[in-house]
N, C-alpha and C. Protein backbone atom coordinates (compact mmCIF):
# COMPACT_ATOMS: atom_id res chain seq x y z
N UNK A 1 28.55 -57.08 -70.17
CA UNK A 1 29.91 -57.19 -69.87
C UNK A 1 30.70 -58.14 -70.59
N UNK A 2 31.76 -57.84 -71.08
CA UNK A 2 32.64 -58.76 -71.88
C UNK A 2 33.48 -59.55 -70.98
N UNK A 3 33.58 -61.02 -71.24
CA UNK A 3 34.24 -61.83 -70.36
C UNK A 3 34.63 -63.06 -71.01
N UNK A 4 35.53 -63.70 -70.71
CA UNK A 4 36.07 -65.02 -71.22
C UNK A 4 34.99 -66.13 -70.77
N UNK A 5 34.08 -65.77 -69.88
CA UNK A 5 33.18 -66.84 -69.42
C UNK A 5 31.77 -66.60 -70.15
N UNK A 6 31.10 -67.54 -70.37
CA UNK A 6 29.82 -67.63 -70.81
C UNK A 6 28.95 -67.56 -69.48
N UNK A 7 28.17 -66.47 -69.29
CA UNK A 7 27.41 -66.37 -68.10
C UNK A 7 25.94 -65.88 -68.27
N UNK A 8 25.07 -66.08 -67.28
CA UNK A 8 23.73 -65.56 -67.39
C UNK A 8 23.68 -64.57 -66.34
N UNK A 9 23.05 -63.26 -66.71
CA UNK A 9 22.88 -62.24 -65.76
C UNK A 9 21.46 -61.87 -65.73
N UNK A 10 21.01 -61.81 -64.49
CA UNK A 10 19.50 -61.42 -64.21
C UNK A 10 19.48 -60.30 -63.27
N UNK A 11 18.77 -59.13 -63.62
CA UNK A 11 18.82 -57.97 -62.96
C UNK A 11 17.71 -58.07 -61.93
N UNK A 12 17.79 -57.53 -60.64
CA UNK A 12 16.76 -57.71 -59.64
C UNK A 12 15.59 -56.85 -60.06
N UNK A 13 14.40 -57.46 -59.60
CA UNK A 13 13.21 -56.59 -59.66
C UNK A 13 13.17 -55.30 -58.92
N UNK A 14 13.70 -55.43 -57.63
CA UNK A 14 13.70 -54.31 -56.75
C UNK A 14 15.15 -53.70 -56.97
N UNK A 15 15.02 -52.59 -57.66
CA UNK A 15 16.51 -51.86 -58.02
C UNK A 15 16.79 -50.75 -57.02
N UNK A 16 17.94 -50.45 -56.83
CA UNK A 16 18.33 -49.42 -55.92
C UNK A 16 19.74 -48.89 -56.56
N UNK A 17 20.20 -47.75 -56.03
CA UNK A 17 21.36 -47.22 -56.59
C UNK A 17 22.41 -48.15 -56.60
N UNK A 18 22.60 -49.10 -55.52
CA UNK A 18 23.65 -49.87 -55.55
C UNK A 18 23.06 -51.19 -54.97
N UNK A 19 22.92 -52.20 -55.75
CA UNK A 19 22.16 -53.36 -55.48
C UNK A 19 23.10 -54.59 -55.06
N UNK A 20 22.66 -55.47 -54.13
CA UNK A 20 23.46 -56.68 -53.85
C UNK A 20 23.62 -57.55 -55.17
N UNK A 21 24.60 -58.44 -55.09
CA UNK A 21 24.85 -59.45 -56.13
C UNK A 21 25.24 -60.67 -55.58
N UNK A 22 24.80 -61.77 -56.27
CA UNK A 22 25.25 -63.14 -56.10
C UNK A 22 25.70 -63.75 -57.29
N UNK A 23 26.91 -64.47 -57.04
CA UNK A 23 27.62 -65.07 -58.10
C UNK A 23 27.58 -66.65 -57.91
N UNK A 24 27.07 -67.38 -58.93
CA UNK A 24 26.77 -68.74 -58.81
C UNK A 24 27.66 -69.62 -59.55
N UNK A 25 27.96 -70.79 -58.99
CA UNK A 25 29.14 -71.72 -59.68
C UNK A 25 28.43 -73.05 -59.50
N UNK A 26 28.05 -73.60 -60.72
CA UNK A 26 27.57 -74.97 -60.74
C UNK A 26 28.43 -76.20 -60.52
N UNK A 27 27.96 -77.33 -60.48
CA UNK A 27 28.74 -78.57 -60.24
C UNK A 27 29.25 -79.17 -61.41
N UNK A 28 30.07 -80.32 -61.34
CA UNK A 28 30.54 -80.94 -62.35
C UNK A 28 29.61 -81.45 -63.39
N UNK A 29 29.85 -81.18 -64.84
CA UNK A 29 28.83 -81.69 -65.70
C UNK A 29 27.57 -80.97 -65.84
N UNK A 30 27.49 -79.89 -65.15
CA UNK A 30 26.27 -79.00 -65.31
C UNK A 30 26.45 -77.81 -66.06
N UNK A 31 25.67 -76.70 -65.87
CA UNK A 31 25.90 -75.46 -66.58
C UNK A 31 25.29 -74.25 -65.82
N UNK A 32 25.34 -73.09 -66.57
CA UNK A 32 24.83 -71.90 -65.81
C UNK A 32 23.35 -71.92 -65.51
N UNK A 33 22.56 -72.70 -66.07
CA UNK A 33 21.21 -72.66 -65.75
C UNK A 33 21.00 -73.34 -64.35
N UNK A 34 21.74 -74.31 -63.91
CA UNK A 34 21.52 -75.27 -62.80
C UNK A 34 21.04 -74.60 -61.44
N UNK A 35 21.89 -73.67 -60.98
CA UNK A 35 21.56 -73.14 -59.74
C UNK A 35 20.52 -72.04 -59.69
N UNK A 36 20.22 -71.50 -60.88
CA UNK A 36 19.16 -70.56 -60.95
C UNK A 36 17.81 -71.08 -60.34
N UNK A 37 17.80 -72.43 -60.40
CA UNK A 37 16.55 -73.11 -59.92
C UNK A 37 16.24 -73.15 -58.45
N UNK A 38 17.44 -72.88 -57.73
CA UNK A 38 17.37 -73.00 -56.21
C UNK A 38 17.53 -71.76 -55.45
N UNK A 39 17.56 -70.75 -56.11
CA UNK A 39 17.90 -69.30 -55.48
C UNK A 39 16.52 -68.57 -55.08
N UNK A 40 15.42 -69.14 -55.51
CA UNK A 40 14.18 -68.48 -54.99
C UNK A 40 14.07 -66.89 -55.22
N UNK A 41 13.64 -66.25 -54.03
CA UNK A 41 13.48 -64.83 -54.10
C UNK A 41 14.72 -64.03 -54.34
N UNK A 42 15.84 -64.70 -54.17
CA UNK A 42 17.13 -63.81 -54.20
C UNK A 42 17.18 -63.11 -55.60
N UNK A 43 16.41 -63.80 -56.86
CA UNK A 43 16.49 -63.16 -58.00
C UNK A 43 15.72 -61.97 -57.93
N UNK A 44 14.87 -61.61 -56.94
CA UNK A 44 14.09 -60.30 -56.97
C UNK A 44 14.94 -59.25 -56.30
N UNK A 45 15.85 -59.46 -55.58
CA UNK A 45 16.57 -58.52 -54.73
C UNK A 45 18.11 -58.41 -55.11
N UNK A 46 18.63 -59.32 -55.72
CA UNK A 46 19.93 -59.47 -56.12
C UNK A 46 20.28 -59.47 -57.67
N UNK A 47 21.37 -58.74 -58.14
CA UNK A 47 21.83 -59.18 -59.43
C UNK A 47 22.35 -60.53 -59.40
N UNK A 48 22.03 -61.24 -60.29
CA UNK A 48 22.57 -62.73 -60.38
C UNK A 48 23.29 -62.85 -61.46
N UNK A 49 24.54 -63.47 -61.19
CA UNK A 49 25.54 -63.82 -62.22
C UNK A 49 25.87 -65.28 -62.13
N UNK A 50 25.45 -65.95 -63.12
CA UNK A 50 25.55 -67.43 -63.00
C UNK A 50 26.71 -67.84 -64.18
N UNK A 51 27.73 -68.29 -63.73
CA UNK A 51 28.93 -68.61 -64.62
C UNK A 51 28.87 -69.95 -65.18
N UNK A 52 29.29 -70.25 -66.35
CA UNK A 52 29.45 -71.60 -66.86
C UNK A 52 30.97 -71.89 -66.75
N UNK A 53 31.21 -73.09 -66.18
CA UNK A 53 32.51 -73.57 -66.20
C UNK A 53 33.20 -73.54 -67.60
N UNK A 54 34.52 -73.18 -67.71
CA UNK A 54 35.13 -73.02 -68.99
C UNK A 54 35.57 -74.41 -69.79
N UNK A 55 35.28 -75.48 -69.01
CA UNK A 55 35.90 -76.78 -69.46
C UNK A 55 34.63 -77.71 -69.92
N UNK A 56 34.71 -78.23 -70.98
CA UNK A 56 33.69 -79.24 -71.46
C UNK A 56 33.67 -80.50 -70.59
N UNK A 57 32.71 -80.83 -70.14
CA UNK A 57 32.63 -82.02 -69.33
C UNK A 57 31.13 -82.70 -69.49
N UNK A 58 31.12 -83.65 -70.34
CA UNK A 58 29.69 -84.19 -70.69
C UNK A 58 28.88 -84.65 -69.41
N UNK A 59 27.57 -84.31 -69.25
CA UNK A 59 26.75 -83.70 -70.26
C UNK A 59 26.84 -82.02 -70.30
N UNK A 60 27.71 -81.48 -69.55
CA UNK A 60 27.77 -79.92 -69.34
C UNK A 60 29.17 -79.41 -69.33
N UNK A 61 29.52 -78.75 -68.33
CA UNK A 61 30.89 -78.21 -68.03
C UNK A 61 31.46 -78.32 -66.79
N UNK A 62 32.75 -78.05 -66.63
CA UNK A 62 33.51 -77.96 -65.33
C UNK A 62 34.26 -76.72 -65.19
N UNK A 63 34.52 -76.47 -63.89
CA UNK A 63 35.50 -75.34 -63.50
C UNK A 63 36.88 -75.70 -63.62
N UNK A 64 37.17 -76.90 -63.39
CA UNK A 64 38.47 -77.24 -63.30
C UNK A 64 38.77 -78.94 -63.62
N UNK A 65 39.83 -79.39 -63.95
CA UNK A 65 39.96 -80.72 -64.17
C UNK A 65 40.58 -81.24 -62.78
N UNK A 66 40.68 -82.55 -62.67
CA UNK A 66 41.14 -83.07 -61.41
C UNK A 66 41.67 -84.56 -61.58
N UNK A 67 42.68 -84.87 -60.70
CA UNK A 67 43.32 -86.08 -60.56
C UNK A 67 42.29 -87.16 -60.12
N UNK A 68 41.71 -86.75 -59.14
CA UNK A 68 40.70 -87.60 -58.41
C UNK A 68 39.72 -86.53 -57.64
N UNK A 69 38.62 -87.09 -57.28
CA UNK A 69 37.72 -86.28 -56.46
C UNK A 69 38.37 -85.55 -55.23
N UNK A 70 38.32 -84.29 -55.24
CA UNK A 70 38.93 -83.55 -54.05
C UNK A 70 40.44 -83.02 -54.27
N UNK A 71 40.86 -83.41 -55.54
CA UNK A 71 42.16 -83.21 -55.88
C UNK A 71 42.17 -82.46 -57.21
N UNK A 72 41.87 -81.06 -57.22
CA UNK A 72 41.91 -80.27 -58.49
C UNK A 72 43.42 -80.26 -59.17
N UNK A 73 43.45 -80.06 -60.41
CA UNK A 73 44.72 -79.83 -61.07
C UNK A 73 45.01 -78.39 -60.77
N UNK A 74 46.22 -78.21 -60.08
CA UNK A 74 46.32 -76.94 -59.35
C UNK A 74 46.48 -75.66 -60.39
N UNK A 75 47.23 -75.98 -61.37
CA UNK A 75 47.49 -74.83 -62.38
C UNK A 75 46.22 -74.47 -63.07
N UNK A 76 45.33 -75.35 -63.26
CA UNK A 76 44.07 -74.93 -63.98
C UNK A 76 43.17 -74.17 -62.92
N UNK A 77 43.10 -74.84 -61.67
CA UNK A 77 42.19 -74.31 -60.62
C UNK A 77 42.80 -72.77 -60.30
N UNK A 78 44.08 -72.59 -60.16
CA UNK A 78 44.68 -71.37 -59.72
C UNK A 78 44.16 -70.19 -60.84
N UNK A 79 44.32 -70.45 -62.04
CA UNK A 79 44.05 -69.69 -63.23
C UNK A 79 42.50 -69.33 -63.28
N UNK A 80 41.63 -70.47 -63.04
CA UNK A 80 40.28 -70.10 -63.06
C UNK A 80 39.83 -69.22 -61.89
N UNK A 81 40.21 -69.40 -60.76
CA UNK A 81 40.03 -68.69 -59.44
C UNK A 81 40.38 -67.16 -59.80
N UNK A 82 41.60 -67.02 -60.30
CA UNK A 82 42.05 -65.66 -60.54
C UNK A 82 41.10 -64.92 -61.51
N UNK A 83 40.63 -65.69 -62.63
CA UNK A 83 39.82 -64.95 -63.63
C UNK A 83 38.50 -64.59 -63.04
N UNK A 84 37.92 -65.55 -62.17
CA UNK A 84 36.69 -65.41 -61.70
C UNK A 84 36.72 -64.13 -60.63
N UNK A 85 37.93 -64.02 -59.87
CA UNK A 85 38.06 -63.01 -58.94
C UNK A 85 37.90 -61.60 -59.77
N UNK A 86 38.65 -61.54 -60.87
CA UNK A 86 38.65 -60.30 -61.67
C UNK A 86 37.24 -60.15 -62.23
N UNK A 87 36.41 -61.20 -62.70
CA UNK A 87 35.17 -61.09 -63.21
C UNK A 87 34.38 -60.41 -62.12
N UNK A 88 34.38 -60.75 -60.80
CA UNK A 88 33.60 -60.11 -59.93
C UNK A 88 33.94 -58.75 -59.64
N UNK A 89 35.22 -58.40 -59.64
CA UNK A 89 35.56 -57.02 -59.41
C UNK A 89 35.19 -56.08 -60.70
N UNK A 90 35.15 -56.65 -61.70
CA UNK A 90 34.82 -55.88 -62.97
C UNK A 90 33.16 -55.64 -62.89
N UNK A 91 32.52 -56.73 -62.57
CA UNK A 91 31.07 -56.63 -62.27
C UNK A 91 30.64 -55.69 -61.40
N UNK A 92 31.31 -55.54 -60.22
CA UNK A 92 31.01 -54.57 -59.19
C UNK A 92 31.08 -53.10 -59.82
N UNK A 93 32.20 -53.02 -60.58
CA UNK A 93 32.22 -51.63 -61.15
C UNK A 93 31.34 -51.46 -62.32
N UNK A 94 31.07 -52.17 -63.29
CA UNK A 94 30.32 -51.89 -64.44
C UNK A 94 28.76 -52.00 -64.03
N UNK A 95 28.34 -52.66 -63.14
CA UNK A 95 27.01 -52.73 -62.76
C UNK A 95 26.66 -51.96 -61.58
N UNK A 96 27.59 -51.24 -61.10
CA UNK A 96 27.43 -50.36 -59.89
C UNK A 96 26.68 -51.15 -58.73
N UNK A 97 27.39 -52.34 -58.43
CA UNK A 97 27.00 -53.22 -57.41
C UNK A 97 27.27 -52.59 -55.89
N UNK A 98 26.60 -53.04 -54.97
CA UNK A 98 26.89 -52.68 -53.69
C UNK A 98 28.19 -53.43 -53.10
N UNK A 99 29.40 -52.96 -52.98
CA UNK A 99 30.58 -53.63 -52.58
C UNK A 99 30.44 -54.27 -51.31
N UNK A 100 29.54 -53.93 -50.58
CA UNK A 100 29.33 -54.49 -49.07
C UNK A 100 28.38 -55.65 -49.04
N UNK A 101 27.71 -55.98 -50.41
CA UNK A 101 26.74 -56.98 -50.40
C UNK A 101 27.09 -57.90 -51.56
N UNK A 102 28.43 -58.50 -51.43
CA UNK A 102 28.65 -59.45 -52.62
C UNK A 102 28.74 -60.86 -52.05
N UNK A 103 27.97 -61.69 -52.76
CA UNK A 103 27.52 -63.01 -52.20
C UNK A 103 28.00 -64.07 -53.28
N UNK A 104 28.63 -65.18 -52.96
CA UNK A 104 28.89 -66.16 -53.72
C UNK A 104 28.33 -67.51 -53.27
N UNK A 105 27.94 -68.48 -54.26
CA UNK A 105 27.39 -69.73 -53.81
C UNK A 105 27.67 -70.69 -54.93
N UNK A 106 27.95 -71.91 -54.39
CA UNK A 106 28.23 -72.94 -55.49
C UNK A 106 27.87 -74.54 -54.92
N UNK A 107 27.80 -75.29 -55.67
CA UNK A 107 27.57 -76.76 -55.37
C UNK A 107 28.72 -77.64 -56.02
N UNK A 108 29.16 -78.50 -55.32
CA UNK A 108 29.99 -79.56 -55.98
C UNK A 108 31.40 -78.89 -56.28
N UNK A 109 31.86 -78.81 -57.48
CA UNK A 109 32.97 -78.07 -57.80
C UNK A 109 32.85 -76.55 -57.68
N UNK A 110 31.51 -76.03 -57.86
CA UNK A 110 31.30 -74.68 -57.59
C UNK A 110 31.48 -74.26 -56.21
N UNK A 111 31.17 -75.28 -55.28
CA UNK A 111 31.29 -74.90 -53.86
C UNK A 111 32.73 -74.73 -53.53
N UNK A 112 33.71 -75.60 -54.13
CA UNK A 112 35.22 -75.41 -54.07
C UNK A 112 35.68 -74.02 -54.41
N UNK A 113 35.07 -73.61 -55.46
CA UNK A 113 35.43 -72.35 -56.18
C UNK A 113 34.96 -71.11 -55.22
N UNK A 114 33.62 -71.38 -54.65
CA UNK A 114 33.04 -70.29 -53.76
C UNK A 114 33.97 -70.07 -52.50
N UNK A 115 34.28 -71.25 -51.82
CA UNK A 115 35.03 -71.32 -50.61
C UNK A 115 36.39 -70.54 -51.07
N UNK A 116 37.08 -70.94 -52.06
CA UNK A 116 38.28 -70.41 -52.38
C UNK A 116 38.34 -68.97 -52.59
N UNK A 117 37.34 -68.50 -53.10
CA UNK A 117 37.07 -66.91 -53.35
C UNK A 117 37.09 -66.28 -52.09
N UNK A 118 36.56 -66.82 -50.99
CA UNK A 118 36.67 -66.31 -49.69
C UNK A 118 37.94 -66.09 -49.09
N UNK A 119 38.88 -67.07 -49.47
CA UNK A 119 40.24 -67.14 -49.10
C UNK A 119 41.00 -65.99 -49.84
N UNK A 120 40.72 -65.80 -51.18
CA UNK A 120 41.51 -64.81 -51.97
C UNK A 120 40.96 -63.57 -51.93
N UNK A 121 39.81 -63.35 -51.46
CA UNK A 121 39.00 -62.04 -51.60
C UNK A 121 38.78 -61.62 -50.17
N UNK A 122 38.82 -62.50 -49.26
CA UNK A 122 38.54 -62.02 -47.89
C UNK A 122 37.23 -61.54 -47.65
N UNK A 123 37.08 -60.48 -46.86
CA UNK A 123 35.85 -59.75 -46.50
C UNK A 123 35.40 -59.02 -47.71
N UNK A 124 35.87 -58.86 -48.84
CA UNK A 124 35.08 -58.45 -49.98
C UNK A 124 34.12 -59.31 -50.45
N UNK A 125 33.93 -60.44 -50.01
CA UNK A 125 32.82 -61.29 -49.91
C UNK A 125 32.05 -61.35 -48.73
N UNK A 126 30.91 -60.84 -48.71
CA UNK A 126 30.12 -60.65 -47.49
C UNK A 126 29.46 -62.04 -46.95
N UNK A 127 29.05 -62.78 -47.97
CA UNK A 127 28.61 -64.09 -47.49
C UNK A 127 28.75 -65.18 -48.66
N UNK A 128 29.00 -66.37 -48.12
CA UNK A 128 29.33 -67.43 -49.00
C UNK A 128 28.34 -68.50 -48.74
N UNK A 129 27.91 -69.39 -49.73
CA UNK A 129 27.24 -70.51 -49.50
C UNK A 129 27.67 -71.70 -50.30
N UNK A 130 28.42 -72.68 -49.44
CA UNK A 130 28.94 -73.74 -50.03
C UNK A 130 28.13 -75.07 -49.74
N UNK A 131 27.64 -75.50 -50.95
CA UNK A 131 26.74 -76.69 -50.93
C UNK A 131 27.39 -78.05 -51.39
N UNK A 132 27.67 -78.90 -50.28
CA UNK A 132 28.29 -80.09 -50.77
C UNK A 132 29.58 -79.96 -51.38
N UNK A 133 30.52 -79.19 -50.74
CA UNK A 133 31.76 -78.92 -51.35
C UNK A 133 33.00 -79.22 -50.42
N UNK A 134 34.20 -78.51 -50.69
CA UNK A 134 35.50 -78.73 -50.07
C UNK A 134 36.33 -77.48 -50.22
N UNK A 135 37.34 -77.43 -49.57
CA UNK A 135 38.35 -76.50 -49.96
C UNK A 135 39.59 -77.29 -50.12
N UNK A 136 40.18 -77.16 -51.20
CA UNK A 136 41.54 -77.96 -51.81
C UNK A 136 42.70 -77.72 -50.76
N UNK A 137 43.30 -78.74 -50.47
CA UNK A 137 44.57 -78.71 -49.47
C UNK A 137 45.47 -77.65 -49.94
N UNK A 138 45.76 -77.52 -51.30
CA UNK A 138 46.76 -76.65 -51.59
C UNK A 138 46.31 -75.14 -51.48
N UNK A 139 44.98 -74.86 -51.32
CA UNK A 139 44.49 -73.54 -51.10
C UNK A 139 44.70 -73.37 -49.59
N UNK A 140 44.58 -74.25 -48.79
CA UNK A 140 44.86 -74.11 -47.28
C UNK A 140 46.20 -73.83 -47.06
N UNK A 141 47.15 -74.61 -47.75
CA UNK A 141 48.54 -74.66 -47.49
C UNK A 141 49.23 -73.52 -48.04
N UNK A 142 48.95 -73.10 -49.33
CA UNK A 142 49.66 -72.31 -50.17
C UNK A 142 49.12 -70.82 -50.47
N UNK A 143 47.95 -70.67 -50.42
CA UNK A 143 47.38 -69.34 -50.86
C UNK A 143 47.49 -68.44 -49.72
N UNK A 144 47.65 -67.09 -50.06
CA UNK A 144 47.66 -66.02 -49.00
C UNK A 144 46.28 -65.82 -48.64
N UNK A 145 45.94 -65.85 -47.33
CA UNK A 145 44.61 -65.61 -46.75
C UNK A 145 44.41 -64.29 -46.45
N UNK A 146 43.35 -63.59 -47.12
CA UNK A 146 42.87 -62.31 -46.87
C UNK A 146 42.07 -62.33 -45.60
N UNK A 147 41.93 -61.18 -45.10
CA UNK A 147 41.08 -60.88 -43.94
C UNK A 147 39.81 -61.35 -44.06
N UNK A 148 39.42 -62.43 -43.28
CA UNK A 148 38.04 -63.07 -43.57
C UNK A 148 36.99 -62.64 -42.42
N UNK A 149 37.52 -61.71 -41.52
CA UNK A 149 36.52 -61.38 -40.42
C UNK A 149 35.64 -60.40 -40.96
N UNK A 150 34.31 -60.80 -40.72
CA UNK A 150 33.17 -59.94 -41.30
C UNK A 150 32.54 -60.89 -42.42
N UNK A 151 33.17 -61.98 -42.86
CA UNK A 151 32.59 -62.84 -43.95
C UNK A 151 31.87 -63.85 -43.21
N UNK A 152 30.57 -64.12 -43.70
CA UNK A 152 29.88 -65.21 -43.24
C UNK A 152 29.62 -66.20 -44.26
N UNK A 153 29.84 -67.55 -43.78
CA UNK A 153 29.93 -68.74 -44.56
C UNK A 153 28.93 -69.83 -44.31
N UNK A 154 28.07 -70.20 -45.25
CA UNK A 154 27.05 -71.32 -44.90
C UNK A 154 27.70 -72.58 -45.55
N UNK A 155 27.87 -73.48 -44.78
CA UNK A 155 28.47 -74.78 -45.16
C UNK A 155 27.47 -75.84 -44.90
N UNK A 156 27.11 -76.59 -45.99
CA UNK A 156 26.09 -77.60 -45.88
C UNK A 156 26.59 -78.85 -46.55
N UNK A 157 26.06 -79.97 -46.06
CA UNK A 157 26.55 -81.26 -46.67
C UNK A 157 25.44 -82.34 -46.37
N UNK A 158 25.27 -83.37 -47.25
CA UNK A 158 24.41 -84.49 -47.07
C UNK A 158 25.14 -85.45 -46.21
N UNK A 159 24.32 -85.98 -45.30
CA UNK A 159 24.87 -86.87 -44.35
C UNK A 159 25.21 -88.40 -45.09
N UNK A 160 24.57 -88.56 -46.15
CA UNK A 160 24.91 -89.84 -46.89
C UNK A 160 25.62 -89.62 -48.16
N UNK A 161 26.47 -88.58 -48.22
CA UNK A 161 27.10 -88.04 -49.46
C UNK A 161 28.32 -89.09 -49.70
N UNK A 162 28.17 -89.86 -50.59
CA UNK A 162 29.32 -91.02 -50.93
C UNK A 162 30.19 -90.30 -52.16
N UNK A 163 29.97 -89.19 -52.68
CA UNK A 163 30.70 -88.54 -53.60
C UNK A 163 31.76 -87.73 -53.06
N UNK A 164 31.37 -86.78 -52.22
CA UNK A 164 32.26 -85.82 -51.39
C UNK A 164 32.06 -86.18 -49.94
N UNK A 165 32.89 -86.81 -49.26
CA UNK A 165 32.84 -87.32 -47.95
C UNK A 165 32.56 -86.07 -47.02
N UNK A 166 31.71 -86.35 -46.00
CA UNK A 166 31.17 -85.28 -45.17
C UNK A 166 32.29 -84.55 -44.34
N UNK A 167 33.36 -85.33 -44.12
CA UNK A 167 34.48 -84.67 -43.27
C UNK A 167 35.17 -83.59 -44.00
N UNK A 168 34.96 -83.57 -45.38
CA UNK A 168 35.55 -82.44 -46.18
C UNK A 168 34.98 -81.10 -45.71
N UNK A 169 33.64 -81.22 -45.59
CA UNK A 169 33.04 -79.93 -45.12
C UNK A 169 33.26 -79.55 -43.75
N UNK A 170 33.47 -80.58 -42.85
CA UNK A 170 33.91 -80.44 -41.49
C UNK A 170 35.26 -79.74 -41.46
N UNK A 171 36.19 -80.12 -42.31
CA UNK A 171 37.48 -79.54 -42.38
C UNK A 171 37.25 -78.13 -42.66
N UNK A 172 36.45 -77.73 -43.81
CA UNK A 172 36.37 -76.42 -44.16
C UNK A 172 35.70 -75.64 -42.99
N UNK A 173 34.94 -76.07 -42.27
CA UNK A 173 34.31 -75.28 -41.16
C UNK A 173 35.38 -74.95 -40.23
N UNK A 174 36.30 -75.97 -39.87
CA UNK A 174 37.39 -75.55 -38.90
C UNK A 174 38.34 -74.52 -39.46
N UNK A 175 38.59 -74.71 -40.69
CA UNK A 175 39.62 -73.69 -41.36
C UNK A 175 39.06 -72.44 -41.27
N UNK A 176 37.73 -72.14 -41.76
CA UNK A 176 37.40 -70.72 -41.76
C UNK A 176 37.17 -70.12 -40.44
N UNK A 177 36.67 -71.11 -39.46
CA UNK A 177 36.66 -70.49 -38.21
C UNK A 177 37.85 -70.11 -37.58
N UNK A 178 39.09 -70.85 -38.05
CA UNK A 178 40.35 -70.49 -37.48
C UNK A 178 40.81 -69.16 -38.04
N UNK A 179 40.39 -68.73 -39.20
CA UNK A 179 40.78 -67.43 -40.00
C UNK A 179 39.66 -66.31 -39.53
N UNK A 180 38.74 -66.57 -38.70
CA UNK A 180 37.96 -65.56 -38.17
C UNK A 180 36.61 -65.30 -39.00
N UNK A 181 36.31 -66.25 -39.88
CA UNK A 181 34.90 -65.98 -40.50
C UNK A 181 33.73 -66.52 -39.60
N UNK A 182 32.72 -66.15 -39.90
CA UNK A 182 31.55 -66.65 -39.00
C UNK A 182 30.95 -67.77 -39.82
N UNK A 183 30.84 -68.99 -39.32
CA UNK A 183 30.34 -70.09 -40.13
C UNK A 183 29.08 -70.72 -39.56
N UNK A 184 28.19 -70.90 -40.41
CA UNK A 184 26.94 -71.74 -40.00
C UNK A 184 27.16 -73.01 -40.81
N UNK A 185 27.06 -74.19 -40.12
CA UNK A 185 27.33 -75.44 -40.55
C UNK A 185 26.09 -76.34 -40.37
N UNK A 186 25.58 -76.91 -41.46
CA UNK A 186 24.43 -77.74 -41.36
C UNK A 186 24.52 -79.10 -42.21
N UNK A 187 23.93 -80.23 -41.85
CA UNK A 187 23.99 -81.35 -42.55
C UNK A 187 22.44 -81.78 -42.61
N UNK A 188 22.19 -82.63 -43.67
CA UNK A 188 20.79 -82.88 -44.13
C UNK A 188 20.94 -84.40 -44.40
N UNK A 189 19.70 -85.12 -44.09
CA UNK A 189 19.62 -86.52 -44.34
C UNK A 189 19.52 -86.81 -45.87
N UNK A 190 20.39 -86.37 -46.72
CA UNK A 190 20.44 -86.76 -48.17
C UNK A 190 21.78 -87.15 -48.60
N UNK A 191 21.91 -87.41 -49.93
CA UNK A 191 23.20 -87.91 -50.60
C UNK A 191 23.91 -86.57 -51.06
N UNK A 192 24.42 -86.84 -52.15
CA UNK A 192 25.10 -85.64 -52.82
C UNK A 192 24.20 -84.88 -53.61
N UNK A 193 23.45 -83.90 -52.87
CA UNK A 193 22.45 -83.05 -53.45
C UNK A 193 21.98 -81.99 -52.49
N UNK A 194 21.02 -81.12 -52.97
CA UNK A 194 20.47 -80.12 -52.21
C UNK A 194 18.95 -80.42 -51.83
N UNK A 195 18.62 -80.55 -50.78
CA UNK A 195 17.35 -80.94 -50.30
C UNK A 195 16.39 -79.59 -50.21
N UNK A 196 15.18 -79.73 -50.31
CA UNK A 196 14.35 -78.40 -50.10
C UNK A 196 14.59 -77.70 -48.92
N UNK A 197 14.91 -78.34 -47.71
CA UNK A 197 15.19 -77.66 -46.45
C UNK A 197 16.61 -76.96 -46.59
N UNK A 198 17.54 -77.63 -47.27
CA UNK A 198 18.77 -77.09 -47.45
C UNK A 198 18.72 -75.69 -48.26
N UNK A 199 17.98 -75.90 -49.36
CA UNK A 199 17.61 -74.66 -50.26
C UNK A 199 17.10 -73.57 -49.53
N UNK A 200 15.97 -73.90 -48.65
CA UNK A 200 15.41 -72.72 -47.90
C UNK A 200 16.39 -72.12 -46.94
N UNK A 201 17.33 -72.92 -46.32
CA UNK A 201 18.15 -72.37 -45.32
C UNK A 201 19.35 -71.45 -45.91
N UNK A 202 19.71 -71.93 -47.19
CA UNK A 202 20.68 -71.12 -47.86
C UNK A 202 20.14 -69.71 -48.35
N UNK A 203 18.85 -69.91 -48.82
CA UNK A 203 18.31 -68.59 -49.24
C UNK A 203 18.08 -67.76 -47.95
N UNK A 204 17.57 -68.30 -46.85
CA UNK A 204 17.46 -67.45 -45.72
C UNK A 204 18.74 -66.77 -45.22
N UNK A 205 19.73 -67.62 -45.32
CA UNK A 205 21.13 -67.14 -44.83
C UNK A 205 21.61 -66.00 -45.65
N UNK A 206 21.50 -66.02 -47.03
CA UNK A 206 21.87 -64.87 -47.73
C UNK A 206 20.97 -63.61 -47.61
N UNK A 207 19.64 -63.86 -47.48
CA UNK A 207 18.71 -62.77 -47.26
C UNK A 207 19.05 -62.02 -46.01
N UNK A 208 19.48 -62.64 -44.99
CA UNK A 208 19.89 -61.93 -43.78
C UNK A 208 20.79 -60.65 -44.19
N UNK A 209 21.79 -60.89 -45.10
CA UNK A 209 22.81 -60.04 -45.34
C UNK A 209 22.10 -58.95 -46.39
N UNK A 210 21.16 -59.49 -47.35
CA UNK A 210 20.65 -58.57 -48.30
C UNK A 210 19.78 -57.45 -47.57
N UNK A 211 19.15 -57.87 -46.52
CA UNK A 211 18.33 -56.80 -45.86
C UNK A 211 19.09 -56.05 -44.64
N UNK A 212 20.31 -56.42 -44.56
CA UNK A 212 21.07 -55.74 -43.46
C UNK A 212 21.35 -54.31 -43.96
N UNK A 213 21.12 -53.28 -43.06
CA UNK A 213 21.54 -51.90 -43.49
C UNK A 213 22.89 -51.75 -43.62
N UNK A 214 23.42 -51.19 -44.76
CA UNK A 214 24.92 -50.98 -44.98
C UNK A 214 25.35 -49.84 -43.98
């Protein structure tokens, strides 16, 4: 598939006429290989699209620039989210994906992108995993909110995260619940990272929808 993004695509081992798909978004300074290490058996049952952020940020890449942590540059953020939304819709068509089993997941900056996609795409996103992230205030205040009833969101955060304060994820939980999404919220005794338990919980969460009958 042609795209402005550099991305890695992995086809599922278990193929069907319409397969589920998960779209991955890495954190600041990382790349498209990063989250492939934590998705476990999802690679066997889902098309995987792992996108590289379009902005160089040593030692890797970023999805957006920012004034300070938690405050993305809105003009850039808005544009990147719009192009990612179009990427997902194009992938559904070109790869004959199951439109009822579209998943997104991200860490750090990627988690902010994943949460925002739930706002702009609503229940076109079946499930979202936000690992140590947040939802920008301008998204909450200015974006048009699509119908999120039927969308499931897994929000996790480290209890000792000094990069992204834990209350950011608590605010996301409240926001999505107010708009009708089903939220699973979990914290772990770690800093800004993904523990083995967090990884297992995230995989199990997505797998619930992978195996749900359409």
